[in-house]
Structure formats: structure tokens, C-alpha cells
Amino acid sequence: MTVKLNKAAFDHAKSLARKNQTVMDERDDWSEHAPSADDENAYLEKHGWSEYGKWYLGVDTDSSEETKGHYKFPYGDFRRVHRCGVISAESRAAQNDYDDITKAVAELHELLDGDHA
């Protein structure tokens, strides 16, 4: 499995954060705030794979672009960036040595906390 930064998603997340389309929740809230499989399916049906992919900071280049398995490191609820999702992605990327994702997510985390500190 080769996972790399999804630049379109990173740019999308930064744009949303700059527009304050964020939820400043706590680290442990992600299990409750992450989109469910039903939420993902509904979004996919309405918006397609390209838009769906903008909500995942990593992509598995060994998986087809039109599978959920291609998309890694969700950060929001298909409307807003969730701080808890960013923190979760940051932690998991660092644990798995995905350096480009770790660096990008740290920048996103700083953008969130800097705007709302």
C-alpha cells in the first residue's frame, strides 16, 4: 500500500478553515463526529468520487480511485473541517510514517488553532 498526500483535499481543507467552516471540537470527539458509512454513501451518490475525495487527506495509489479504500485520513463531515478529524489524521499519519501527510495535517492543525486560539 502506497499512501500519499491528496493535494486537492489539503487545499480544500485549508480553504474551508480560512472561511471558518470548522468545528472546534476535542481530540476524542472524532469517533462521534466522523461520517458514517451511510453518510459517505449518500454524499457519494449526490456528488461523485471527485468531490468525495476532497474530504480525505490521503490516497492509496494501489487502490482504484472509485473505491472507498482509495481514500484515507478523513478530516470533516462533508460540510466542515473538524478539529478532531485533523488531530486524528495527524496522529495516524505520524504513526505510519506518512511524512508528507503528517506535515500537511500539522499545517492544517496550526491553521485551525491559530485562527481560534
PDB file of N, CA and C in Angstrom:
ATOM      1  N   MET A   1       0.852  -1.187   0.000  1.00  0.00           N
ATOM      2  CA  MET A   1       0.000   0.000   0.000  1.00  0.00           C
ATOM      3  C   MET A   1       0.892   1.242   0.000  1.00  0.00           C
ATOM      4  N   THR A   2       0.644   2.114  -0.956  1.00  0.00           N
ATOM      5  CA  THR A   2       1.361   3.373  -1.037  1.00  0.00           C
ATOM      6  C   THR A   2       0.369   4.505  -0.806  1.00  0.00           C
ATOM      7  N   VAL A   3       0.543   5.211   0.304  1.00  0.00           N
ATOM      8  CA  VAL A   3      -0.366   6.303   0.649  1.00  0.00           C
ATOM      9  C   VAL A   3       0.387   7.619   0.528  1.00  0.00           C
ATOM     10  N   LYS A   4      -0.233   8.563  -0.189  1.00  0.00           N
ATOM     11  CA  LYS A   4       0.394   9.863  -0.361  1.00  0.00           C
ATOM     12  C   LYS A   4      -0.623  10.964  -0.107  1.00  0.00           C
ATOM     13  N   LEU A   5      -0.126  12.175   0.032  1.00  0.00           N
ATOM     14  CA  LEU A   5      -0.982  13.333   0.285  1.00  0.00           C
ATOM     15  C   LEU A   5      -1.917  13.571  -0.890  1.00  0.00           C
ATOM     16  N   ASN A   6      -3.169  13.836  -0.577  1.00  0.00           N
ATOM     17  CA  ASN A   6      -4.176  14.233  -1.559  1.00  0.00           C
ATOM     18  C   ASN A   6      -4.191  15.760  -1.563  1.00  0.00           C
ATOM     19  N   LYS A   7      -3.443  16.346  -2.496  1.00  0.00           N
ATOM     20  CA  LYS A   7      -3.276  17.807  -2.532  1.00  0.00           C
ATOM     21  C   LYS A   7      -4.607  18.537  -2.693  1.00  0.00           C
ATOM     22  N   ALA A   8      -5.512  18.000  -3.489  1.00  0.00           N
ATOM     23  CA  ALA A   8      -6.822  18.647  -3.674  1.00  0.00           C
ATOM     24  C   ALA A   8      -7.587  18.705  -2.348  1.00  0.00           C
ATOM     25  N   ALA A   9      -7.497  17.649  -1.569  1.00  0.00           N
ATOM     26  CA  ALA A   9      -8.174  17.632  -0.271  1.00  0.00           C
ATOM     27  C   ALA A   9      -7.507  18.603   0.702  1.00  0.00           C
ATOM     28  N   PHE A  10      -6.189  18.650   0.679  1.00  0.00           N
ATOM     29  CA  PHE A  10      -5.453  19.564   1.542  1.00  0.00           C
ATOM     30  C   PHE A  10      -5.826  21.013   1.226  1.00  0.00           C
ATOM     31  N   ASP A  11      -5.860  21.350  -0.052  1.00  0.00           N
ATOM     32  CA  ASP A  11      -6.248  22.703  -0.453  1.00  0.00           C
ATOM     33  C   ASP A  11      -7.696  23.005  -0.065  1.00  0.00           C
ATOM     34  N   HIS A  12      -8.561  22.028  -0.235  1.00  0.00           N
ATOM     35  CA  HIS A  12      -9.976  22.188   0.135  1.00  0.00           C
ATOM     36  C   HIS A  12     -10.107  22.436   1.641  1.00  0.00           C
ATOM     37  N   ALA A  13      -9.398  21.651   2.426  1.00  0.00           N
ATOM     38  CA  ALA A  13      -9.452  21.798   3.886  1.00  0.00           C
ATOM     39  C   ALA A  13      -8.948  23.169   4.325  1.00  0.00           C
ATOM     40  N   LYS A  14      -7.848  23.624   3.721  1.00  0.00           N
ATOM     41  CA  LYS A  14      -7.325  24.951   4.075  1.00  0.00           C
ATOM     42  C   LYS A  14      -8.321  26.040   3.698  1.00  0.00           C
ATOM     43  N   SER A  15      -8.946  25.903   2.548  1.00  0.00           N
ATOM     44  CA  SER A  15      -9.932  26.886   2.110  1.00  0.00           C
ATOM     45  C   SER A  15     -11.112  26.942   3.084  1.00  0.00           C
ATOM     46  N   LEU A  16     -11.603  25.790   3.488  1.00  0.00           N
ATOM     47  CA  LEU A  16     -12.706  25.746   4.453  1.00  0.00           C
ATOM     48  C   LEU A  16     -12.295  26.357   5.790  1.00  0.00           C
ATOM     49  N   ALA A  17     -11.082  26.047   6.232  1.00  0.00           N
ATOM     50  CA  ALA A  17     -10.607  26.582   7.512  1.00  0.00           C
ATOM     51  C   ALA A  17     -10.508  28.104   7.459  1.00  0.00           C
ATOM     52  N   ARG A  18     -10.030  28.620   6.348  1.00  0.00           N
ATOM     53  CA  ARG A  18      -9.905  30.080   6.207  1.00  0.00           C
ATOM     54  C   ARG A  18     -11.261  30.778   6.165  1.00  0.00           C
ATOM     55  N   LYS A  19     -12.286  30.042   5.753  1.00  0.00           N
ATOM     56  CA  LYS A  19     -13.647  30.590   5.728  1.00  0.00           C
ATOM     57  C   LYS A  19     -14.397  30.301   7.035  1.00  0.00           C
ATOM     58  N   ASN A  20     -13.667  29.771   8.024  1.00  0.00           N
ATOM     59  CA  ASN A  20     -14.242  29.393   9.320  1.00  0.00           C
ATOM     60  C   ASN A  20     -15.357  28.371   9.207  1.00  0.00           C
ATOM     61  N   GLN A  21     -15.280  27.518   8.205  1.00  0.00           N
ATOM     62  CA  GLN A  21     -16.211  26.406   8.091  1.00  0.00           C
ATOM     63  C   GLN A  21     -15.597  25.230   8.841  1.00  0.00           C
ATOM     64  N   THR A  22     -15.582  25.398  10.172  1.00  0.00           N
ATOM     65  CA  THR A  22     -14.886  24.465  11.045  1.00  0.00           C
ATOM     66  C   THR A  22     -15.741  24.122  12.258  1.00  0.00           C
ATOM     67  N   VAL A  23     -15.382  23.013  12.883  1.00  0.00           N
ATOM     68  CA  VAL A  23     -15.931  22.630  14.175  1.00  0.00           C
ATOM     69  C   VAL A  23     -14.737  22.472  15.098  1.00  0.00           C
ATOM     70  N   MET A  24     -14.661  23.302  16.108  1.00  0.00           N
ATOM     71  CA  MET A  24     -13.510  23.287  17.017  1.00  0.00           C
ATOM     72  C   MET A  24     -13.776  22.337  18.186  1.00  0.00           C
ATOM     73  N   ASP A  25     -13.829  21.071  17.858  1.00  0.00           N
ATOM     74  CA  ASP A  25     -14.115  20.055  18.843  1.00  0.00           C
ATOM     75  C   ASP A  25     -12.818  19.504  19.443  1.00  0.00           C
ATOM     76  N   GLU A  26     -12.957  18.549  20.329  1.00  0.00           N
ATOM     77  CA  GLU A  26     -11.806  17.994  21.040  1.00  0.00           C
ATOM     78  C   GLU A  26     -11.328  16.704  20.381  1.00  0.00           C
ATOM     79  N   ARG A  27     -10.102  16.352  20.669  1.00  0.00           N
ATOM     80  CA  ARG A  27      -9.435  15.188  20.081  1.00  0.00           C
ATOM     81  C   ARG A  27     -10.320  13.933  20.076  1.00  0.00           C
ATOM     82  N   ASP A  28     -10.950  13.623  21.174  1.00  0.00           N
ATOM     83  CA  ASP A  28     -11.683  12.365  21.301  1.00  0.00           C
ATOM     84  C   ASP A  28     -13.080  12.391  20.686  1.00  0.00           C
ATOM     85  N   ASP A  29     -13.490  13.496  20.097  1.00  0.00           N
ATOM     86  CA  ASP A  29     -14.828  13.606  19.521  1.00  0.00           C
ATOM     87  C   ASP A  29     -14.961  12.944  18.155  1.00  0.00           C
ATOM     88  N   TRP A  30     -13.857  12.601  17.504  1.00  0.00           N
ATOM     89  CA  TRP A  30     -13.910  12.125  16.135  1.00  0.00           C
ATOM     90  C   TRP A  30     -14.743  10.847  15.987  1.00  0.00           C
ATOM     91  N   SER A  31     -14.704   9.962  16.973  1.00  0.00           N
ATOM     92  CA  SER A  31     -15.478   8.724  16.858  1.00  0.00           C
ATOM     93  C   SER A  31     -16.972   9.015  16.725  1.00  0.00           C
ATOM     94  N   GLU A  32     -17.425  10.118  17.288  1.00  0.00           N
ATOM     95  CA  GLU A  32     -18.831  10.503  17.187  1.00  0.00           C
ATOM     96  C   GLU A  32     -19.098  11.433  16.006  1.00  0.00           C
ATOM     97  N   HIS A  33     -18.108  12.190  15.569  1.00  0.00           N
ATOM     98  CA  HIS A  33     -18.305  13.201  14.532  1.00  0.00           C
ATOM     99  C   HIS A  33     -17.951  12.735  13.122  1.00  0.00           C
ATOM    100  N   ALA A  34     -17.194  11.651  13.011  1.00  0.00           N
ATOM    101  CA  ALA A  34     -16.804  11.152  11.693  1.00  0.00           C
ATOM    102  C   ALA A  34     -18.043  10.708  10.917  1.00  0.00           C
ATOM    103  N   PRO A  35     -18.042  10.909   9.608  1.00  0.00           N
ATOM    104  CA  PRO A  35     -19.183  10.471   8.804  1.00  0.00           C
ATOM    105  C   PRO A  35     -19.366   8.951   8.885  1.00  0.00           C
ATOM    106  N   SER A  36     -20.616   8.539   8.948  1.00  0.00           N
ATOM    107  CA  SER A  36     -20.927   7.107   8.954  1.00  0.00           C
ATOM    108  C   SER A  36     -20.847   6.570   7.523  1.00  0.00           C
ATOM    109  N   ALA A  37     -20.895   5.262   7.384  1.00  0.00           N
ATOM    110  CA  ALA A  37     -20.908   4.662   6.050  1.00  0.00           C
ATOM    111  C   ALA A  37     -22.120   5.154   5.262  1.00  0.00           C
ATOM    112  N   ASP A  38     -23.249   5.315   5.926  1.00  0.00           N
ATOM    113  CA  ASP A  38     -24.445   5.839   5.255  1.00  0.00           C
ATOM    114  C   ASP A  38     -24.230   7.270   4.789  1.00  0.00           C
ATOM    115  N   ASP A  39     -23.577   8.089   5.623  1.00  0.00           N
ATOM    116  CA  ASP A  39     -23.263   9.475   5.235  1.00  0.00           C
ATOM    117  C   ASP A  39     -22.351   9.489   4.005  1.00  0.00           C
ATOM    118  N   GLU A  40     -21.344   8.628   4.023  1.00  0.00           N
ATOM    119  CA  GLU A  40     -20.415   8.548   2.893  1.00  0.00           C
ATOM    120  C   GLU A  40     -21.152   8.146   1.614  1.00  0.00           C
ATOM    121  N   ASN A  41     -21.991   7.123   1.716  1.00  0.00           N
ATOM    122  CA  ASN A  41     -22.723   6.641   0.540  1.00  0.00           C
ATOM    123  C   ASN A  41     -23.652   7.713  -0.017  1.00  0.00           C
ATOM    124  N   ALA A  42     -24.344   8.418   0.858  1.00  0.00           N
ATOM    125  CA  ALA A  42     -25.259   9.478   0.417  1.00  0.00           C
ATOM    126  C   ALA A  42     -24.481  10.599  -0.280  1.00  0.00           C
ATOM    127  N   TYR A  43     -23.333  10.982   0.288  1.00  0.00           N
ATOM    128  CA  TYR A  43     -22.520  12.034  -0.316  1.00  0.00           C
ATOM    129  C   TYR A  43     -21.995  11.587  -1.680  1.00  0.00           C
ATOM    130  N   LEU A  44     -21.509  10.358  -1.732  1.00  0.00           N
ATOM    131  CA  LEU A  44     -21.001   9.815  -2.991  1.00  0.00           C
ATOM    132  C   LEU A  44     -22.069   9.804  -4.073  1.00  0.00           C
ATOM    133  N   GLU A  45     -23.260   9.358  -3.718  1.00  0.00           N
ATOM    134  CA  GLU A  45     -24.350   9.278  -4.688  1.00  0.00           C
ATOM    135  C   GLU A  45     -24.711  10.660  -5.238  1.00  0.00           C
ATOM    136  N   LYS A  46     -24.680  11.653  -4.379  1.00  0.00           N
ATOM    137  CA  LYS A  46     -25.071  13.002  -4.777  1.00  0.00           C
ATOM    138  C   LYS A  46     -23.953  13.757  -5.501  1.00  0.00           C
ATOM    139  N   HIS A  47     -22.688  13.551  -5.075  1.00  0.00           N
ATOM    140  CA  HIS A  47     -21.586  14.392  -5.548  1.00  0.00           C
ATOM    141  C   HIS A  47     -20.529  13.682  -6.393  1.00  0.00           C
ATOM    142  N   GLY A  48     -20.437  12.380  -6.318  1.00  0.00           N
ATOM    143  CA  GLY A  48     -19.449  11.634  -7.097  1.00  0.00           C
ATOM    144  C   GLY A  48     -18.094  11.520  -6.413  1.00  0.00           C
ATOM    145  N   TRP A  49     -17.222  10.742  -7.046  1.00  0.00           N
ATOM    146  CA  TRP A  49     -15.918  10.410  -6.459  1.00  0.00           C
ATOM    147  C   TRP A  49     -14.986  11.605  -6.327  1.00  0.00           C
ATOM    148  N   SER A  50     -14.983  12.493  -7.281  1.00  0.00           N
ATOM    149  CA  SER A  50     -14.067  13.631  -7.248  1.00  0.00           C
ATOM    150  C   SER A  50     -14.328  14.510  -6.026  1.00  0.00           C
ATOM    151  N   GLU A  51     -15.582  14.834  -5.781  1.00  0.00           N
ATOM    152  CA  GLU A  51     -15.930  15.650  -4.615  1.00  0.00           C
ATOM    153  C   GLU A  51     -15.723  14.875  -3.319  1.00  0.00           C
ATOM    154  N   TYR A  52     -16.066  13.607  -3.328  1.00  0.00           N
ATOM    155  CA  TYR A  52     -15.861  12.745  -2.163  1.00  0.00           C
ATOM    156  C   TYR A  52     -14.393  12.757  -1.752  1.00  0.00           C
ATOM    157  N   GLY A  53     -13.513  12.659  -2.733  1.00  0.00           N
ATOM    158  CA  GLY A  53     -12.081  12.602  -2.458  1.00  0.00           C
ATOM    159  C   GLY A  53     -11.528  13.847  -1.783  1.00  0.00           C
ATOM    160  N   LYS A  54     -12.204  14.982  -1.947  1.00  0.00           N
ATOM    161  CA  LYS A  54     -11.736  16.225  -1.322  1.00  0.00           C
ATOM    162  C   LYS A  54     -11.836  16.202   0.191  1.00  0.00           C
ATOM    163  N   TRP A  55     -12.452  15.185   0.753  1.00  0.00           N
ATOM    164  CA  TRP A  55     -12.634  15.084   2.206  1.00  0.00           C
ATOM    165  C   TRP A  55     -11.671  14.086   2.848  1.00  0.00           C
ATOM    166  N   TYR A  56     -10.664  13.644   2.073  1.00  0.00           N
ATOM    167  CA  TYR A  56      -9.697  12.658   2.562  1.00  0.00           C
ATOM    168  C   TYR A  56      -8.298  13.138   2.226  1.00  0.00           C
ATOM    169  N   LEU A  57      -7.482  13.325   3.251  1.00  0.00           N
ATOM    170  CA  LEU A  57      -6.164  13.922   3.078  1.00  0.00           C
ATOM    171  C   LEU A  57      -5.121  12.972   2.492  1.00  0.00           C
ATOM    172  N   GLY A  58      -5.436  11.694   2.418  1.00  0.00           N
ATOM    173  CA  GLY A  58      -4.517  10.736   1.828  1.00  0.00           C
ATOM    174  C   GLY A  58      -5.207   9.872   0.795  1.00  0.00           C
ATOM    175  N   VAL A  59      -4.416   9.364  -0.145  1.00  0.00           N
ATOM    176  CA  VAL A  59      -4.924   8.407  -1.126  1.00  0.00           C
ATOM    177  C   VAL A  59      -3.960   7.225  -1.204  1.00  0.00           C
ATOM    178  N   ASP A  60      -4.552   6.045  -1.349  1.00  0.00           N
ATOM    179  CA  ASP A  60      -3.789   4.823  -1.546  1.00  0.00           C
ATOM    180  C   ASP A  60      -3.656   4.625  -3.048  1.00  0.00           C
ATOM    181  N   THR A  61      -2.465   4.853  -3.571  1.00  0.00           N
ATOM    182  CA  THR A  61      -2.264   4.808  -5.015  1.00  0.00           C
ATOM    183  C   THR A  61      -2.362   3.388  -5.578  1.00  0.00           C
ATOM    184  N   ASP A  62      -2.401   2.373  -4.713  1.00  0.00           N
ATOM    185  CA  ASP A  62      -2.539   0.993  -5.168  1.00  0.00           C
ATOM    186  C   ASP A  62      -4.000   0.585  -5.318  1.00  0.00           C
ATOM    187  N   SER A  63      -4.933   1.437  -4.896  1.00  0.00           N
ATOM    188  CA  SER A  63      -6.363   1.134  -4.979  1.00  0.00           C
ATOM    189  C   SER A  63      -7.024   2.005  -6.036  1.00  0.00           C
ATOM    190  N   SER A  64      -8.070   1.494  -6.626  1.00  0.00           N
ATOM    191  CA  SER A  64      -8.818   2.231  -7.643  1.00  0.00           C
ATOM    192  C   SER A  64      -9.407   3.508  -7.061  1.00  0.00           C
ATOM    193  N   GLU A  65      -9.398   4.577  -7.863  1.00  0.00           N
ATOM    194  CA  GLU A  65      -9.925   5.864  -7.416  1.00  0.00           C
ATOM    195  C   GLU A  65     -11.420   5.814  -7.143  1.00  0.00           C
ATOM    196  N   GLU A  66     -12.107   4.843  -7.671  1.00  0.00           N
ATOM    197  CA  GLU A  66     -13.544   4.740  -7.454  1.00  0.00           C
ATOM    198  C   GLU A  66     -13.878   3.644  -6.455  1.00  0.00           C
ATOM    199  N   THR A  67     -13.085   3.613  -5.375  1.00  0.00           N
ATOM    200  CA  THR A  67     -13.374   2.747  -4.234  1.00  0.00           C
ATOM    201  C   THR A  67     -13.110   3.534  -2.956  1.00  0.00           C
ATOM    202  N   LYS A  68     -13.846   3.236  -1.933  1.00  0.00           N
ATOM    203  CA  LYS A  68     -13.621   3.922  -0.653  1.00  0.00           C
ATOM    204  C   LYS A  68     -12.237   3.610  -0.106  1.00  0.00           C
ATOM    205  N   GLY A  69     -11.702   2.432  -0.418  1.00  0.00           N
ATOM    206  CA  GLY A  69     -10.384   2.052   0.059  1.00  0.00           C
ATOM    207  C   GLY A  69      -9.258   2.925  -0.475  1.00  0.00           C
ATOM    208  N   HIS A  70      -9.526   3.666  -1.524  1.00  0.00           N
ATOM    209  CA  HIS A  70      -8.527   4.573  -2.099  1.00  0.00           C
ATOM    210  C   HIS A  70      -8.293   5.787  -1.205  1.00  0.00           C
ATOM    211  N   TYR A  71      -9.306   6.154  -0.423  1.00  0.00           N
ATOM    212  CA  TYR A  71      -9.294   7.404   0.339  1.00  0.00           C
ATOM    213  C   TYR A  71      -9.004   7.152   1.811  1.00  0.00           C
ATOM    214  N   LYS A  72      -8.028   7.887   2.344  1.00  0.00           N
ATOM    215  CA  LYS A  72      -7.553   7.725   3.719  1.00  0.00           C
ATOM    216  C   LYS A  72      -7.551   9.085   4.419  1.00  0.00           C
ATOM    217  N   PHE A  73      -7.592   9.060   5.713  1.00  0.00           N
ATOM    218  CA  PHE A  73      -7.455  10.250   6.549  1.00  0.00           C
ATOM    219  C   PHE A  73      -8.568  11.286   6.339  1.00  0.00           C
ATOM    220  N   PRO A  74      -9.805  10.909   6.679  1.00  0.00           N
ATOM    221  CA  PRO A  74     -10.895  11.887   6.612  1.00  0.00           C
ATOM    222  C   PRO A  74     -10.686  12.987   7.651  1.00  0.00           C
ATOM    223  N   TYR A  75     -11.184  14.165   7.346  1.00  0.00           N
ATOM    224  CA  TYR A  75     -10.986  15.295   8.263  1.00  0.00           C
ATOM    225  C   TYR A  75     -12.260  16.090   8.531  1.00  0.00           C
ATOM    226  N   GLY A  76     -13.363  15.719   7.938  1.00  0.00           N
ATOM    227  CA  GLY A  76     -14.571  16.518   8.113  1.00  0.00           C
ATOM    228  C   GLY A  76     -15.833  15.722   7.896  1.00  0.00           C
ATOM    229  N   ASP A  77     -16.941  16.430   7.928  1.00  0.00           N
ATOM    230  CA  ASP A  77     -18.268  15.808   7.848  1.00  0.00           C
ATOM    231  C   ASP A  77     -18.972  16.097   6.517  1.00  0.00           C
ATOM    232  N   PHE A  78     -18.202  16.421   5.486  1.00  0.00           N
ATOM    233  CA  PHE A  78     -18.698  16.789   4.155  1.00  0.00           C
ATOM    234  C   PHE A  78     -19.325  18.175   4.119  1.00  0.00           C
ATOM    235  N   ARG A  79     -19.157  18.927   5.196  1.00  0.00           N
ATOM    236  CA  ARG A  79     -19.600  20.324   5.232  1.00  0.00           C
ATOM    237  C   ARG A  79     -18.535  21.210   5.870  1.00  0.00           C
ATOM    238  N   ARG A  80     -17.894  20.693   6.916  1.00  0.00           N
ATOM    239  CA  ARG A  80     -16.943  21.488   7.694  1.00  0.00           C
ATOM    240  C   ARG A  80     -15.735  20.646   8.074  1.00  0.00           C
ATOM    241  N   VAL A  81     -14.636  21.334   8.325  1.00  0.00           N
ATOM    242  CA  VAL A  81     -13.435  20.705   8.865  1.00  0.00           C
ATOM    243  C   VAL A  81     -13.654  20.510  10.364  1.00  0.00           C
ATOM    244  N   HIS A  82     -13.390  19.310  10.839  1.00  0.00           N
ATOM    245  CA  HIS A  82     -13.472  19.041  12.279  1.00  0.00           C
ATOM    246  C   HIS A  82     -12.063  18.982  12.844  1.00  0.00           C
ATOM    247  N   ARG A  83     -11.819  19.771  13.865  1.00  0.00           N
ATOM    248  CA  ARG A  83     -10.508  19.770  14.521  1.00  0.00           C
ATOM    249  C   ARG A  83     -10.142  18.354  14.975  1.00  0.00           C
ATOM    250  N   CYS A  84     -11.111  17.623  15.503  1.00  0.00           N
ATOM    251  CA  CYS A  84     -10.838  16.270  15.988  1.00  0.00           C
ATOM    252  C   CYS A  84     -10.430  15.338  14.840  1.00  0.00           C
ATOM    253  N   GLY A  85     -10.993  15.546  13.650  1.00  0.00           N
ATOM    254  CA  GLY A  85     -10.608  14.754  12.490  1.00  0.00           C
ATOM    255  C   GLY A  85      -9.191  15.064  12.045  1.00  0.00           C
ATOM    256  N   VAL A  86      -8.828  16.334  12.113  1.00  0.00           N
ATOM    257  CA  VAL A  86      -7.474  16.755  11.769  1.00  0.00           C
ATOM    258  C   VAL A  86      -6.471  16.155  12.758  1.00  0.00           C
ATOM    259  N   ILE A  87      -6.787  16.221  14.037  1.00  0.00           N
ATOM    260  CA  ILE A  87      -5.892  15.658  15.056  1.00  0.00           C
ATOM    261  C   ILE A  87      -5.750  14.149  14.871  1.00  0.00           C
ATOM    262  N   SER A  88      -6.853  13.479  14.600  1.00  0.00           N
ATOM    263  CA  SER A  88      -6.816  12.035  14.370  1.00  0.00           C
ATOM    264  C   SER A  88      -5.947  11.700  13.159  1.00  0.00           C
ATOM    265  N   ALA A  89      -6.117  12.443  12.070  1.00  0.00           N
ATOM    266  CA  ALA A  89      -5.314  12.218  10.867  1.00  0.00           C
ATOM    267  C   ALA A  89      -3.835  12.483  11.138  1.00  0.00           C
ATOM    268  N   GLU A  90      -3.568  13.538  11.886  1.00  0.00           N
ATOM    269  CA  GLU A  90      -2.184  13.887  12.211  1.00  0.00           C
ATOM    270  C   GLU A  90      -1.506  12.758  12.980  1.00  0.00           C
ATOM    271  N   SER A  91      -2.201  12.235  13.959  1.00  0.00           N
ATOM    272  CA  SER A  91      -1.659  11.162  14.783  1.00  0.00           C
ATOM    273  C   SER A  91      -1.432   9.880  13.970  1.00  0.00           C
ATOM    274  N   ARG A  92      -2.427   9.476  13.191  1.00  0.00           N
ATOM    275  CA  ARG A  92      -2.314   8.240  12.406  1.00  0.00           C
ATOM    276  C   ARG A  92      -1.258   8.361  11.310  1.00  0.00           C
ATOM    277  N   ALA A  93      -1.155   9.516  10.679  1.00  0.00           N
ATOM    278  CA  ALA A  93      -0.140   9.702   9.641  1.00  0.00           C
ATOM    279  C   ALA A  93       1.264   9.595  10.237  1.00  0.00           C
ATOM    280  N   ALA A  94       1.465  10.205  11.399  1.00  0.00           N
ATOM    281  CA  ALA A  94       2.774  10.135  12.063  1.00  0.00           C
ATOM    282  C   ALA A  94       3.104   8.697  12.471  1.00  0.00           C
ATOM    283  N   GLN A  95       2.126   7.976  12.994  1.00  0.00           N
ATOM    284  CA  GLN A  95       2.341   6.584  13.406  1.00  0.00           C
ATOM    285  C   GLN A  95       2.765   5.699  12.235  1.00  0.00           C
ATOM    286  N   ASN A  96       2.274   6.030  11.046  1.00  0.00           N
ATOM    287  CA  ASN A  96       2.547   5.213   9.865  1.00  0.00           C
ATOM    288  C   ASN A  96       3.652   5.774   8.974  1.00  0.00           C
ATOM    289  N   ASP A  97       4.334   6.814   9.456  1.00  0.00           N
ATOM    290  CA  ASP A  97       5.455   7.424   8.729  1.00  0.00           C
ATOM    291  C   ASP A  97       5.072   7.948   7.348  1.00  0.00           C
ATOM    292  N   TYR A  98       3.871   8.518   7.242  1.00  0.00           N
ATOM    293  CA  TYR A  98       3.452   9.193   6.013  1.00  0.00           C
ATOM    294  C   TYR A  98       3.846  10.660   6.172  1.00  0.00           C
ATOM    295  N   ASP A  99       5.113  10.938   5.912  1.00  0.00           N
ATOM    296  CA  ASP A  99       5.683  12.236   6.244  1.00  0.00           C
ATOM    297  C   ASP A  99       5.004  13.406   5.532  1.00  0.00           C
ATOM    298  N   ASP A 100       4.650  13.232   4.247  1.00  0.00           N
ATOM    299  CA  ASP A 100       4.010  14.337   3.535  1.00  0.00           C
ATOM    300  C   ASP A 100       2.635  14.647   4.113  1.00  0.00           C
ATOM    301  N   ILE A 101       1.910  13.611   4.514  1.00  0.00           N
ATOM    302  CA  ILE A 101       0.590  13.810   5.123  1.00  0.00           C
ATOM    303  C   ILE A 101       0.752  14.402   6.519  1.00  0.00           C
ATOM    304  N   THR A 102       1.701  13.884   7.280  1.00  0.00           N
ATOM    305  CA  THR A 102       1.940  14.398   8.633  1.00  0.00           C
ATOM    306  C   THR A 102       2.238  15.897   8.596  1.00  0.00           C
ATOM    307  N   LYS A 103       3.101  16.305   7.680  1.00  0.00           N
ATOM    308  CA  LYS A 103       3.467  17.715   7.573  1.00  0.00           C
ATOM    309  C   LYS A 103       2.262  18.572   7.176  1.00  0.00           C
ATOM    310  N   ALA A 104       1.498  18.114   6.199  1.00  0.00           N
ATOM    311  CA  ALA A 104       0.325  18.869   5.741  1.00  0.00           C
ATOM    312  C   ALA A 104      -0.727  18.980   6.845  1.00  0.00           C
ATOM    313  N   VAL A 105      -0.970  17.896   7.528  1.00  0.00           N
ATOM    314  CA  VAL A 105      -2.001  17.908   8.570  1.00  0.00           C
ATOM    315  C   VAL A 105      -1.554  18.764   9.750  1.00  0.00           C
ATOM    316  N   ALA A 106      -0.274  18.763  10.062  1.00  0.00           N
ATOM    317  CA  ALA A 106       0.230  19.637  11.121  1.00  0.00           C
ATOM    318  C   ALA A 106      -0.001  21.104  10.742  1.00  0.00           C
ATOM    319  N   GLU A 107       0.214  21.434   9.470  1.00  0.00           N
ATOM    320  CA  GLU A 107      -0.039  22.790   8.994  1.00  0.00           C
ATOM    321  C   GLU A 107      -1.528  23.141   9.115  1.00  0.00           C
ATOM    322  N   LEU A 108      -2.371  22.197   8.761  1.00  0.00           N
ATOM    323  CA  LEU A 108      -3.818  22.414   8.872  1.00  0.00           C
ATOM    324  C   LEU A 108      -4.235  22.586  10.338  1.00  0.00           C
ATOM    325  N   HIS A 109      -3.667  21.767  11.204  1.00  0.00           N
ATOM    326  CA  HIS A 109      -3.944  21.859  12.643  1.00  0.00           C
ATOM    327  C   HIS A 109      -3.534  23.237  13.173  1.00  0.00           C
ATOM    328  N   GLU A 110      -2.369  23.694  12.773  1.00  0.00           N
ATOM    329  CA  GLU A 110      -1.888  25.009  13.195  1.00  0.00           C
ATOM    330  C   GLU A 110      -2.807  26.119  12.659  1.00  0.00           C
ATOM    331  N   LEU A 111      -3.259  25.973  11.439  1.00  0.00           N
ATOM    332  CA  LEU A 111      -4.184  26.956  10.860  1.00  0.00           C
ATOM    333  C   LEU A 111      -5.482  27.020  11.683  1.00  0.00           C
ATOM    334  N   LEU A 112      -5.992  25.869  12.052  1.00  0.00           N
ATOM    335  CA  LEU A 112      -7.217  25.825  12.860  1.00  0.00           C
ATOM    336  C   LEU A 112      -7.004  26.466  14.225  1.00  0.00           C
ATOM    337  N   ASP A 113      -5.971  26.027  14.912  1.00  0.00           N
ATOM    338  CA  ASP A 113      -5.729  26.528  16.277  1.00  0.00           C
ATOM    339  C   ASP A 113      -5.279  27.969  16.281  1.00  0.00           C
ATOM    340  N   GLY A 114      -4.561  28.384  15.249  1.00  0.00           N
ATOM    341  CA  GLY A 114      -4.108  29.765  15.171  1.00  0.00           C
ATOM    342  C   GLY A 114      -5.262  30.733  14.974  1.00  0.00           C
ATOM    343  N   ASP A 115      -6.247  30.307  14.182  1.00  0.00           N
ATOM    344  CA  ASP A 115      -7.409  31.172  13.921  1.00  0.00           C
ATOM    345  C   ASP A 115      -8.377  31.225  15.087  1.00  0.00           C
ATOM    346  N   HIS A 116      -8.285  30.242  15.965  1.00  0.00           N
ATOM    347  CA  HIS A 116      -9.281  30.150  17.018  1.00  0.00           C
ATOM    348  C   HIS A 116      -8.691  30.136  18.412  1.00  0.00           C
ATOM    349  N   ALA A 117      -7.416  30.418  18.515  1.00  0.00           N
ATOM    350  CA  ALA A 117      -6.740  30.365  19.829  1.00  0.00           C
ATOM    351  C   ALA A 117      -7.213  31.490  20.737  1.00  0.00           C
TER     352      ALA A 117
END
